């Protein structure tokens, strides 16, 4: 059978680092308060000339170089983002143009923090259907543009950045030791909208709006929802938590990550954590963490990797992939 194999990864971060102490000079907060509740120590914030498209382009170029490929080898670009450069056209098309790619197709995918998991699942479907051989999957966000910087409960949580991977069609035998995406599971429940949303939009307020969140409610639902899709992935493949080499979750909150790993009996040393350095970068958080684990030598070919995310909507999902 056809598998979608990860050939390379890349990341891009804005030039400016903002520490918790930096934020404490602007809002009523402290480094201790933020770290105790979230595990975040710093985040990257985009300058005026840094956008979702420019960060996405940089991450894409890094992933292509890592895979030893060029844009001529790519059939499609899928960008996961909730902070596009424009209402339209899709920011993926902007990135396609920046890369000098004149062929294939490019489009955006919006599932908030679950966006990268949704995008990988979509790319895998295109590859398995024979409609593309290689797909560039990008998660890029500039959440700093939609934060209310007077709301200390949200502005301390988020950061900007981009990550990307290249998926390639390769033959597998249909067993769990195949390289590539083994299974993916997506969910959503729109009844939870008020718990995490942006209070603006072209069709309603004709404004961009600001992010609003009921933090305790999100935390309350997160662990159960994450567990749901991960258990579905294990059931589909016959694998267990003991088989996992690396757990790479959406980097939203250290407490959510720790609670999820504990409930799933995934050892803490198998968890890839970057939330302390990046904050919550929404759809960019998983590919940023992937690239960090690859660059420092932890993530190696043949490793079994569990990806999961939950975002506004609510949306949530999990992907099991062998590197």
C-alpha atoms as a PDB file:
ATOM      1  CA  UNK A   1       0.000   0.000   0.000  1.00  0.00           C
ATOM      2  CA  UNK A   2       0.990   3.643  -0.387  1.00  0.00           C
ATOM      3  CA  UNK A   3       2.374   5.388   2.701  1.00  0.00           C
ATOM      4  CA  UNK A   4       3.043   9.101   3.234  1.00  0.00           C
ATOM      5  CA  UNK A   5       6.644   9.236   4.450  1.00  0.00           C
ATOM      6  CA  UNK A   6       8.248  12.286   6.070  1.00  0.00           C
ATOM      7  CA  UNK A   7      11.308  13.220   4.016  1.00  0.00           C
ATOM      8  CA  UNK A   8      12.366  16.424   5.758  1.00  0.00           C
ATOM      9  CA  UNK A   9      11.399  19.134   8.208  1.00  0.00           C
ATOM     10  CA  UNK A  10      12.063  22.813   8.704  1.00  0.00           C
ATOM     11  CA  UNK A  11      11.233  25.676  11.057  1.00  0.00           C
ATOM     12  CA  UNK A  12      11.229  29.456  11.145  1.00  0.00           C
ATOM     13  CA  UNK A  13      10.927  31.774  14.127  1.00  0.00           C
ATOM     14  CA  UNK A  14      10.596  35.565  14.273  1.00  0.00           C
ATOM     15  CA  UNK A  15      13.655  37.610  15.190  1.00  0.00           C
ATOM     16  CA  UNK A  16      12.259  38.931  18.467  1.00  0.00           C
ATOM     17  CA  UNK A  17      12.153  36.901  21.682  1.00  0.00           C
ATOM     18  CA  UNK A  18       9.767  38.106  24.396  1.00  0.00           C
ATOM     19  CA  UNK A  19      10.370  36.682  27.868  1.00  0.00           C
ATOM     20  CA  UNK A  20       7.899  36.490  30.723  1.00  0.00           C
ATOM     21  CA  UNK A  21       9.773  39.303  32.428  1.00  0.00           C
ATOM     22  CA  UNK A  22       9.331  41.418  29.287  1.00  0.00           C
ATOM     23  CA  UNK A  23       5.568  40.829  29.440  1.00  0.00           C
ATOM     24  CA  UNK A  24       5.487  41.660  33.139  1.00  0.00           C
ATOM     25  CA  UNK A  25       6.531  45.199  32.200  1.00  0.00           C
ATOM     26  CA  UNK A  26       3.382  45.595  30.062  1.00  0.00           C
ATOM     27  CA  UNK A  27       0.658  43.621  31.852  1.00  0.00           C
ATOM     28  CA  UNK A  28      -0.073  42.566  35.424  1.00  0.00           C
ATOM     29  CA  UNK A  29       1.734  39.226  35.447  1.00  0.00           C
ATOM     30  CA  UNK A  30       5.028  37.645  36.480  1.00  0.00           C
ATOM     31  CA  UNK A  31       7.458  35.006  35.311  1.00  0.00           C
ATOM     32  CA  UNK A  32       6.496  32.808  38.265  1.00  0.00           C
ATOM     33  CA  UNK A  33       2.750  33.114  37.556  1.00  0.00           C
ATOM     34  CA  UNK A  34       3.148  32.214  33.886  1.00  0.00           C
ATOM     35  CA  UNK A  35       5.549  29.324  34.429  1.00  0.00           C
ATOM     36  CA  UNK A  36       3.479  27.761  37.210  1.00  0.00           C
ATOM     37  CA  UNK A  37       0.301  27.748  35.120  1.00  0.00           C
ATOM     38  CA  UNK A  38       1.653  27.084  31.629  1.00  0.00           C
ATOM     39  CA  UNK A  39       5.323  26.083  31.622  1.00  0.00           C
ATOM     40  CA  UNK A  40       6.073  28.941  29.216  1.00  0.00           C
ATOM     41  CA  UNK A  41       9.306  30.894  29.695  1.00  0.00           C
ATOM     42  CA  UNK A  42       9.413  32.867  26.444  1.00  0.00           C
ATOM     43  CA  UNK A  43       7.854  33.189  23.013  1.00  0.00           C
ATOM     44  CA  UNK A  44       8.738  34.701  19.631  1.00  0.00           C
ATOM     45  CA  UNK A  45       6.738  37.708  18.401  1.00  0.00           C
ATOM     46  CA  UNK A  46       6.708  38.758  14.742  1.00  0.00           C
ATOM     47  CA  UNK A  47       7.942  42.176  13.720  1.00  0.00           C
ATOM     48  CA  UNK A  48       5.926  44.242  11.246  1.00  0.00           C
ATOM     49  CA  UNK A  49       7.780  42.818   8.240  1.00  0.00           C
ATOM     50  CA  UNK A  50       7.325  39.212   9.425  1.00  0.00           C
ATOM     51  CA  UNK A  51       4.061  37.561   8.421  1.00  0.00           C
ATOM     52  CA  UNK A  52       2.436  34.161   8.275  1.00  0.00           C
ATOM     53  CA  UNK A  53       3.500  33.953   4.624  1.00  0.00           C
ATOM     54  CA  UNK A  54       7.122  34.975   5.165  1.00  0.00           C
ATOM     55  CA  UNK A  55       7.561  32.622   8.127  1.00  0.00           C
ATOM     56  CA  UNK A  56       5.826  29.826   6.219  1.00  0.00           C
ATOM     57  CA  UNK A  57       8.083  30.380   3.230  1.00  0.00           C
ATOM     58  CA  UNK A  58      11.211  30.190   5.396  1.00  0.00           C
ATOM     59  CA  UNK A  59      10.037  26.970   7.068  1.00  0.00           C
ATOM     60  CA  UNK A  60       9.131  25.479   3.685  1.00  0.00           C
ATOM     61  CA  UNK A  61      12.559  26.268   2.239  1.00  0.00           C
ATOM     62  CA  UNK A  62      14.226  24.671   5.264  1.00  0.00           C
ATOM     63  CA  UNK A  63      12.096  21.524   4.918  1.00  0.00           C
ATOM     64  CA  UNK A  64      12.855  21.252   1.202  1.00  0.00           C
ATOM     65  CA  UNK A  65      16.582  21.615   1.869  1.00  0.00           C
ATOM     66  CA  UNK A  66      16.389  18.980   4.617  1.00  0.00           C
ATOM     67  CA  UNK A  67      14.645  16.604   2.188  1.00  0.00           C
ATOM     68  CA  UNK A  68      17.169  17.444  -0.565  1.00  0.00           C
ATOM     69  CA  UNK A  69      14.300  18.499  -2.831  1.00  0.00           C
ATOM     70  CA  UNK A  70      13.234  21.616  -4.738  1.00  0.00           C
ATOM     71  CA  UNK A  71       9.827  23.135  -5.431  1.00  0.00           C
ATOM     72  CA  UNK A  72       9.887  21.353  -8.782  1.00  0.00           C
ATOM     73  CA  UNK A  73       9.512  18.096  -6.853  1.00  0.00           C
ATOM     74  CA  UNK A  74       6.404  19.290  -4.975  1.00  0.00           C
ATOM     75  CA  UNK A  75       2.865  18.684  -6.251  1.00  0.00           C
ATOM     76  CA  UNK A  76       0.878  20.484  -3.561  1.00  0.00           C
ATOM     77  CA  UNK A  77       1.153  22.871  -0.620  1.00  0.00           C
ATOM     78  CA  UNK A  78      -1.219  22.659   2.347  1.00  0.00           C
ATOM     79  CA  UNK A  79      -0.919  25.454   4.885  1.00  0.00           C
ATOM     80  CA  UNK A  80      -2.507  25.155   8.320  1.00  0.00           C
ATOM     81  CA  UNK A  81      -3.182  28.608   9.740  1.00  0.00           C
ATOM     82  CA  UNK A  82      -5.759  30.700  11.566  1.00  0.00           C
ATOM     83  CA  UNK A  83      -3.882  33.950  10.918  1.00  0.00           C
ATOM     84  CA  UNK A  84      -3.699  34.314   7.121  1.00  0.00           C
ATOM     85  CA  UNK A  85      -2.051  37.288   5.457  1.00  0.00           C
ATOM     86  CA  UNK A  86      -5.353  38.135   3.755  1.00  0.00           C
ATOM     87  CA  UNK A  87      -8.959  36.998   3.907  1.00  0.00           C
ATOM     88  CA  UNK A  88      -8.204  35.761   0.385  1.00  0.00           C
ATOM     89  CA  UNK A  89      -6.337  34.584  -1.559  1.00  0.00           C
ATOM     90  CA  UNK A  90      -5.128  31.682   0.532  1.00  0.00           C
ATOM     91  CA  UNK A  91      -1.789  32.334   2.188  1.00  0.00           C
ATOM     92  CA  UNK A  92      -0.642  28.977   0.782  1.00  0.00           C
ATOM     93  CA  UNK A  93      -0.876  30.523  -2.689  1.00  0.00           C
ATOM     94  CA  UNK A  94       1.215  33.445  -1.435  1.00  0.00           C
ATOM     95  CA  UNK A  95       3.846  30.987  -0.198  1.00  0.00           C
ATOM     96  CA  UNK A  96       3.651  29.059  -3.465  1.00  0.00           C
ATOM     97  CA  UNK A  97       4.453  32.271  -5.331  1.00  0.00           C
ATOM     98  CA  UNK A  98       7.273  33.181  -2.930  1.00  0.00           C
ATOM     99  CA  UNK A  99       8.818  29.764  -3.564  1.00  0.00           C
ATOM    100  CA  UNK A 100       8.633  30.311  -7.337  1.00  0.00           C
ATOM    101  CA  UNK A 101       6.283  27.346  -7.802  1.00  0.00           C
ATOM    102  CA  UNK A 102       4.076  27.684 -10.878  1.00  0.00           C
ATOM    103  CA  UNK A 103       2.478  24.234 -10.930  1.00  0.00           C
ATOM    104  CA  UNK A 104       0.331  22.065  -8.699  1.00  0.00           C
ATOM    105  CA  UNK A 105      -2.146  23.311  -6.121  1.00  0.00           C
ATOM    106  CA  UNK A 106      -1.986  25.227  -2.842  1.00  0.00           C
ATOM    107  CA  UNK A 107      -4.653  25.896  -0.239  1.00  0.00           C
ATOM    108  CA  UNK A 108      -5.158  26.835   3.421  1.00  0.00           C
ATOM    109  CA  UNK A 109      -6.657  24.641   6.120  1.00  0.00           C
ATOM    110  CA  UNK A 110      -8.284  26.184   9.198  1.00  0.00           C
ATOM    111  CA  UNK A 111      -8.722  24.015  12.273  1.00  0.00           C
ATOM    112  CA  UNK A 112      -6.978  26.360  14.742  1.00  0.00           C
ATOM    113  CA  UNK A 113      -4.455  24.500  16.926  1.00  0.00           C
ATOM    114  CA  UNK A 114      -5.439  21.166  15.347  1.00  0.00           C
ATOM    115  CA  UNK A 115      -4.652  22.571  11.912  1.00  0.00           C
ATOM    116  CA  UNK A 116      -1.380  20.735  11.360  1.00  0.00           C
ATOM    117  CA  UNK A 117      -2.915  17.365  12.302  1.00  0.00           C
ATOM    118  CA  UNK A 118      -5.804  18.074   9.935  1.00  0.00           C
ATOM    119  CA  UNK A 119      -3.368  19.134   7.190  1.00  0.00           C
ATOM    120  CA  UNK A 120      -1.212  16.009   7.543  1.00  0.00           C
ATOM    121  CA  UNK A 121      -4.338  13.850   7.409  1.00  0.00           C
ATOM    122  CA  UNK A 122      -5.534  15.667   4.290  1.00  0.00           C
ATOM    123  CA  UNK A 123      -2.133  15.372   2.615  1.00  0.00           C
ATOM    124  CA  UNK A 124      -2.054  11.665   3.425  1.00  0.00           C
ATOM    125  CA  UNK A 125      -5.449  11.247   1.751  1.00  0.00           C
ATOM    126  CA  UNK A 126      -4.258  13.003  -1.428  1.00  0.00           C
ATOM    127  CA  UNK A 127      -1.133  10.842  -1.534  1.00  0.00           C
ATOM    128  CA  UNK A 128      -3.006   7.582  -0.947  1.00  0.00           C
ATOM    129  CA  UNK A 129      -5.481   8.563  -3.672  1.00  0.00           C
ATOM    130  CA  UNK A 130      -2.606   8.978  -6.127  1.00  0.00           C
ATOM    131  CA  UNK A 131      -3.313  12.674  -6.676  1.00  0.00           C
ATOM    132  CA  UNK A 132       0.089  13.830  -5.437  1.00  0.00           C
ATOM    133  CA  UNK A 133       3.494  12.260  -4.925  1.00  0.00           C
ATOM    134  CA  UNK A 134       5.036  14.912  -2.688  1.00  0.00           C
ATOM    135  CA  UNK A 135       3.228  17.470  -0.538  1.00  0.00           C
ATOM    136  CA  UNK A 136       4.623  20.329   1.480  1.00  0.00           C
ATOM    137  CA  UNK A 137       2.650  20.593   4.735  1.00  0.00           C
ATOM    138  CA  UNK A 138       3.155  23.837   6.656  1.00  0.00           C
ATOM    139  CA  UNK A 139       1.869  25.220   9.938  1.00  0.00           C
ATOM    140  CA  UNK A 140       2.427  28.981  10.212  1.00  0.00           C
ATOM    141  CA  UNK A 141       0.915  31.493  12.608  1.00  0.00           C
ATOM    142  CA  UNK A 142       1.197  35.089  13.773  1.00  0.00           C
ATOM    143  CA  UNK A 143      -1.181  34.869  16.726  1.00  0.00           C
ATOM    144  CA  UNK A 144       0.300  38.046  18.181  1.00  0.00           C
ATOM    145  CA  UNK A 145      -1.836  39.899  15.611  1.00  0.00           C
ATOM    146  CA  UNK A 146      -5.102  38.711  17.198  1.00  0.00           C
ATOM    147  CA  UNK A 147      -4.233  38.972  20.891  1.00  0.00           C
ATOM    148  CA  UNK A 148      -5.712  41.472  23.294  1.00  0.00           C
ATOM    149  CA  UNK A 149      -2.512  42.699  24.924  1.00  0.00           C
ATOM    150  CA  UNK A 150      -4.483  43.972  27.921  1.00  0.00           C
ATOM    151  CA  UNK A 151      -5.858  40.491  28.678  1.00  0.00           C
ATOM    152  CA  UNK A 152      -3.185  38.796  30.759  1.00  0.00           C
ATOM    153  CA  UNK A 153      -5.027  35.466  30.697  1.00  0.00           C
ATOM    154  CA  UNK A 154      -4.437  35.077  26.940  1.00  0.00           C
ATOM    155  CA  UNK A 155      -1.621  37.372  25.801  1.00  0.00           C
ATOM    156  CA  UNK A 156       0.965  35.460  27.857  1.00  0.00           C
ATOM    157  CA  UNK A 157       0.111  32.136  26.216  1.00  0.00           C
ATOM    158  CA  UNK A 158       0.734  32.600  22.509  1.00  0.00           C
ATOM    159  CA  UNK A 159       3.629  33.159  20.145  1.00  0.00           C
ATOM    160  CA  UNK A 160       4.465  33.244  16.441  1.00  0.00           C
ATOM    161  CA  UNK A 161       6.365  30.853  14.221  1.00  0.00           C
ATOM    162  CA  UNK A 162       6.223  28.272  11.441  1.00  0.00           C
ATOM    163  CA  UNK A 163       7.176  24.669  10.821  1.00  0.00           C
ATOM    164  CA  UNK A 164       6.955  22.405   7.783  1.00  0.00           C
ATOM    165  CA  UNK A 165       7.420  18.832   6.619  1.00  0.00           C
ATOM    166  CA  UNK A 166       7.620  17.180   3.207  1.00  0.00           C
ATOM    167  CA  UNK A 167       5.514  14.048   2.723  1.00  0.00           C
ATOM    168  CA  UNK A 168       6.353  11.619  -0.094  1.00  0.00           C
ATOM    169  CA  UNK A 169       4.470   8.625  -1.479  1.00  0.00           C
ATOM    170  CA  UNK A 170       6.336   5.368  -0.884  1.00  0.00           C
ATOM    171  CA  UNK A 171       5.380   1.715  -1.052  1.00  0.00           C
ATOM    172  CA  UNK A 172       4.587  -0.013   2.227  1.00  0.00           C
ATOM    173  CA  UNK A 173       3.429  -3.518   3.047  1.00  0.00           C
ATOM    174  CA  UNK A 174       0.510  -2.430   5.197  1.00  0.00           C
ATOM    175  CA  UNK A 175       2.072  -3.297   8.533  1.00  0.00           C
ATOM    176  CA  UNK A 176       2.749  -1.095  11.546  1.00  0.00           C
ATOM    177  CA  UNK A 177       6.496  -1.231  10.882  1.00  0.00           C
ATOM    178  CA  UNK A 178       6.010   0.634   7.566  1.00  0.00           C
ATOM    179  CA  UNK A 179       7.544   4.080   7.402  1.00  0.00           C
ATOM    180  CA  UNK A 180       5.008   6.888   7.032  1.00  0.00           C
ATOM    181  CA  UNK A 181       1.560   7.816   8.320  1.00  0.00           C
ATOM    182  CA  UNK A 182      -0.016   4.697   9.824  1.00  0.00           C
ATOM    183  CA  UNK A 183      -3.363   6.127  10.919  1.00  0.00           C
ATOM    184  CA  UNK A 184      -5.075   9.431  11.681  1.00  0.00           C
ATOM    185  CA  UNK A 185      -8.235  10.367  13.537  1.00  0.00           C
ATOM    186  CA  UNK A 186     -10.031  13.721  13.474  1.00  0.00           C
ATOM    187  CA  UNK A 187     -12.893  15.069  15.582  1.00  0.00           C
ATOM    188  CA  UNK A 188     -14.817  18.315  16.121  1.00  0.00           C
ATOM    189  CA  UNK A 189     -17.688  19.614  18.229  1.00  0.00           C
ATOM    190  CA  UNK A 190     -18.971  23.098  17.445  1.00  0.00           C
ATOM    191  CA  UNK A 191     -21.021  23.340  20.630  1.00  0.00           C
ATOM    192  CA  UNK A 192     -17.836  24.423  22.432  1.00  0.00           C
ATOM    193  CA  UNK A 193     -17.300  27.549  20.323  1.00  0.00           C
ATOM    194  CA  UNK A 194     -17.626  30.028  23.182  1.00  0.00           C
ATOM    195  CA  UNK A 195     -14.798  28.399  25.115  1.00  0.00           C
ATOM    196  CA  UNK A 196     -12.115  29.391  22.561  1.00  0.00           C
ATOM    197  CA  UNK A 197     -12.778  31.722  19.653  1.00  0.00           C
ATOM    198  CA  UNK A 198     -11.972  35.064  18.008  1.00  0.00           C
ATOM    199  CA  UNK A 199     -14.640  37.750  18.432  1.00  0.00           C
ATOM    200  CA  UNK A 200     -14.389  39.081  14.886  1.00  0.00           C
ATOM    201  CA  UNK A 201     -14.654  38.102  11.240  1.00  0.00           C
ATOM    202  CA  UNK A 202     -15.490  39.414   7.743  1.00  0.00           C
ATOM    203  CA  UNK A 203     -19.085  38.144   7.782  1.00  0.00           C
ATOM    204  CA  UNK A 204     -19.963  39.278  11.306  1.00  0.00           C
ATOM    205  CA  UNK A 205     -18.066  42.294  12.594  1.00  0.00           C
ATOM    206  CA  UNK A 206     -16.004  43.124   9.492  1.00  0.00           C
ATOM    207  CA  UNK A 207     -12.993  43.218  11.819  1.00  0.00           C
ATOM    208  CA  UNK A 208     -10.156  40.857  12.675  1.00  0.00           C
ATOM    209  CA  UNK A 209     -11.161  40.634  16.344  1.00  0.00           C
ATOM    210  CA  UNK A 210      -9.302  39.265  19.356  1.00  0.00           C
ATOM    211  CA  UNK A 211      -8.817  35.798  20.788  1.00  0.00           C
ATOM    212  CA  UNK A 212     -11.106  34.958  23.714  1.00  0.00           C
ATOM    213  CA  UNK A 213     -10.729  31.890  25.898  1.00  0.00           C
ATOM    214  CA  UNK A 214     -12.285  30.231  28.930  1.00  0.00           C
ATOM    215  CA  UNK A 215      -9.081  28.629  30.110  1.00  0.00           C
ATOM    216  CA  UNK A 216     -10.507  26.356  32.778  1.00  0.00           C
ATOM    217  CA  UNK A 217     -13.149  25.011  30.400  1.00  0.00           C
ATOM    218  CA  UNK A 218     -10.547  24.280  27.725  1.00  0.00           C
ATOM    219  CA  UNK A 219      -8.364  22.460  30.237  1.00  0.00           C
ATOM    220  CA  UNK A 220     -11.347  20.475  31.522  1.00  0.00           C
ATOM    221  CA  UNK A 221     -12.147  19.073  28.075  1.00  0.00           C
ATOM    222  CA  UNK A 222      -8.638  18.798  26.642  1.00  0.00           C
ATOM    223  CA  UNK A 223      -7.328  15.640  28.297  1.00  0.00           C
ATOM    224  CA  UNK A 224     -10.455  13.558  27.626  1.00  0.00           C
ATOM    225  CA  UNK A 225     -10.666  14.642  23.995  1.00  0.00           C
ATOM    226  CA  UNK A 226      -6.971  14.016  23.377  1.00  0.00           C
ATOM    227  CA  UNK A 227      -7.233  10.576  24.979  1.00  0.00           C
ATOM    228  CA  UNK A 228     -10.207   9.727  22.748  1.00  0.00           C
ATOM    229  CA  UNK A 229      -8.361  10.105  19.441  1.00  0.00           C
ATOM    230  CA  UNK A 230      -5.119   8.569  20.676  1.00  0.00           C
ATOM    231  CA  UNK A 231      -6.919   5.461  21.886  1.00  0.00           C
ATOM    232  CA  UNK A 232      -8.603   5.277  18.477  1.00  0.00           C
ATOM    233  CA  UNK A 233      -5.164   5.394  16.819  1.00  0.00           C
ATOM    234  CA  UNK A 234      -3.896   2.574  19.037  1.00  0.00           C
ATOM    235  CA  UNK A 235      -6.986   0.488  18.323  1.00  0.00           C
ATOM    236  CA  UNK A 236      -6.616   0.997  14.560  1.00  0.00           C
ATOM    237  CA  UNK A 237      -2.997  -0.164  14.521  1.00  0.00           C
ATOM    238  CA  UNK A 238      -2.793  -2.637  17.385  1.00  0.00           C
ATOM    239  CA  UNK A 239      -0.035  -0.534  18.933  1.00  0.00           C
ATOM    240  CA  UNK A 240       0.149   0.709  22.507  1.00  0.00           C
ATOM    241  CA  UNK A 241       1.724   3.522  24.504  1.00  0.00           C
ATOM    242  CA  UNK A 242       4.681   1.242  25.181  1.00  0.00           C
ATOM    243  CA  UNK A 243       5.446   1.137  21.448  1.00  0.00           C
ATOM    244  CA  UNK A 244       5.698   4.922  21.162  1.00  0.00           C
ATOM    245  CA  UNK A 245       9.198   6.356  20.807  1.00  0.00           C
ATOM    246  CA  UNK A 246       8.123  10.009  20.845  1.00  0.00           C
ATOM    247  CA  UNK A 247       4.950  11.811  21.847  1.00  0.00           C
ATOM    248  CA  UNK A 248       4.802  15.210  20.114  1.00  0.00           C
ATOM    249  CA  UNK A 249       1.667  17.010  21.312  1.00  0.00           C
ATOM    250  CA  UNK A 250       0.346  20.436  20.506  1.00  0.00           C
ATOM    251  CA  UNK A 251       2.337  22.779  22.710  1.00  0.00           C
ATOM    252  CA  UNK A 252      -0.438  24.689  24.468  1.00  0.00           C
ATOM    253  CA  UNK A 253       0.161  24.202  28.159  1.00  0.00           C
ATOM    254  CA  UNK A 254       2.642  22.081  30.106  1.00  0.00           C
ATOM    255  CA  UNK A 255      -0.040  20.953  32.540  1.00  0.00           C
ATOM    256  CA  UNK A 256      -2.295  19.649  29.730  1.00  0.00           C
ATOM    257  CA  UNK A 257       0.649  17.833  28.127  1.00  0.00           C
ATOM    258  CA  UNK A 258       1.725  16.238  31.408  1.00  0.00           C
ATOM    259  CA  UNK A 259      -1.830  15.186  32.306  1.00  0.00           C
ATOM    260  CA  UNK A 260      -2.403  13.669  28.853  1.00  0.00           C
ATOM    261  CA  UNK A 261       0.845  11.698  28.928  1.00  0.00           C
ATOM    262  CA  UNK A 262       0.066  10.428  32.424  1.00  0.00           C
ATOM    263  CA  UNK A 263      -3.442   9.306  31.507  1.00  0.00           C
ATOM    264  CA  UNK A 264      -2.100   7.473  28.438  1.00  0.00           C
ATOM    265  CA  UNK A 265       0.798   5.923  30.388  1.00  0.00           C
ATOM    266  CA  UNK A 266       3.372   7.559  28.121  1.00  0.00           C
ATOM    267  CA  UNK A 267       6.679   7.987  29.931  1.00  0.00           C
ATOM    268  CA  UNK A 268       7.703  11.611  30.474  1.00  0.00           C
ATOM    269  CA  UNK A 269      11.075  11.036  28.788  1.00  0.00           C
ATOM    270  CA  UNK A 270       9.227  10.248  25.552  1.00  0.00           C
ATOM    271  CA  UNK A 271       7.426  13.620  25.485  1.00  0.00           C
ATOM    272  CA  UNK A 272       8.849  16.353  23.233  1.00  0.00           C
ATOM    273  CA  UNK A 273       8.353  19.716  24.933  1.00  0.00           C
ATOM    274  CA  UNK A 274       8.956  23.098  23.327  1.00  0.00           C
ATOM    275  CA  UNK A 275       6.149  25.103  24.949  1.00  0.00           C
ATOM    276  CA  UNK A 276       8.690  26.656  27.322  1.00  0.00           C
ATOM    277  CA  UNK A 277      10.571  28.206  24.390  1.00  0.00           C
ATOM    278  CA  UNK A 278       7.800  28.902  21.867  1.00  0.00           C
ATOM    279  CA  UNK A 279       4.581  29.330  23.822  1.00  0.00           C
ATOM    280  CA  UNK A 280       1.424  28.238  22.030  1.00  0.00           C
ATOM    281  CA  UNK A 281       2.001  28.757  18.295  1.00  0.00           C
ATOM    282  CA  UNK A 282      -1.279  27.075  17.311  1.00  0.00           C
ATOM    283  CA  UNK A 283      -0.933  25.156  14.009  1.00  0.00           C
ATOM    284  CA  UNK A 284       2.822  25.774  13.999  1.00  0.00           C
ATOM    285  CA  UNK A 285       3.495  24.136  17.367  1.00  0.00           C
ATOM    286  CA  UNK A 286       3.726  20.484  16.292  1.00  0.00           C
ATOM    287  CA  UNK A 287       5.989  21.040  13.258  1.00  0.00           C
ATOM    288  CA  UNK A 288       8.197  23.362  15.332  1.00  0.00           C
ATOM    289  CA  UNK A 289       8.528  20.600  17.934  1.00  0.00           C
ATOM    290  CA  UNK A 290       9.160  17.993  15.243  1.00  0.00           C
ATOM    291  CA  UNK A 291      11.993  20.037  13.793  1.00  0.00           C
ATOM    292  CA  UNK A 292      13.498  20.662  17.230  1.00  0.00           C
ATOM    293  CA  UNK A 293      13.507  16.923  17.994  1.00  0.00           C
ATOM    294  CA  UNK A 294      15.055  16.106  14.634  1.00  0.00           C
ATOM    295  CA  UNK A 295      17.718  18.779  14.812  1.00  0.00           C
ATOM    296  CA  UNK A 296      18.900  17.759  18.289  1.00  0.00           C
ATOM    297  CA  UNK A 297      19.150  14.114  17.248  1.00  0.00           C
ATOM    298  CA  UNK A 298      16.292  12.648  19.279  1.00  0.00           C
ATOM    299  CA  UNK A 299      13.959  11.819  16.393  1.00  0.00           C
ATOM    300  CA  UNK A 300      15.456   9.183  14.093  1.00  0.00           C
ATOM    301  CA  UNK A 301      14.336   7.125  11.118  1.00  0.00           C
ATOM    302  CA  UNK A 302      12.200   4.195  12.226  1.00  0.00           C
ATOM    303  CA  UNK A 303      10.917   5.908  15.381  1.00  0.00           C
ATOM    304  CA  UNK A 304       7.201   5.625  16.099  1.00  0.00           C
ATOM    305  CA  UNK A 305       5.796   9.104  16.699  1.00  0.00           C
ATOM    306  CA  UNK A 306       2.416  10.133  18.075  1.00  0.00           C
ATOM    307  CA  UNK A 307       1.132  13.588  17.131  1.00  0.00           C
ATOM    308  CA  UNK A 308      -1.955  15.104  18.743  1.00  0.00           C
ATOM    309  CA  UNK A 309      -3.666  18.468  19.019  1.00  0.00           C
ATOM    310  CA  UNK A 310      -6.800  20.191  20.234  1.00  0.00           C
ATOM    311  CA  UNK A 311      -7.974  23.626  19.176  1.00  0.00           C
ATOM    312  CA  UNK A 312     -10.842  26.094  19.054  1.00  0.00           C
ATOM    313  CA  UNK A 313     -14.110  24.845  17.733  1.00  0.00           C
ATOM    314  CA  UNK A 314     -13.442  22.435  19.388  1.00  0.00           C
ATOM    315  CA  UNK A 315     -11.350  20.449  16.939  1.00  0.00           C
ATOM    316  CA  UNK A 316      -8.983  17.669  17.899  1.00  0.00           C
ATOM    317  CA  UNK A 317      -7.064  14.834  16.290  1.00  0.00           C
ATOM    318  CA  UNK A 318      -4.150  12.418  16.357  1.00  0.00           C
ATOM    319  CA  UNK A 319      -1.711  11.010  13.805  1.00  0.00           C
ATOM    320  CA  UNK A 320       0.511   7.976  14.298  1.00  0.00           C
ATOM    321  CA  UNK A 321       3.541   8.049  12.013  1.00  0.00           C
ATOM    322  CA  UNK A 322       6.721   6.023  11.719  1.00  0.00           C
ATOM    323  CA  UNK A 323       9.680   8.207  10.775  1.00  0.00           C
END
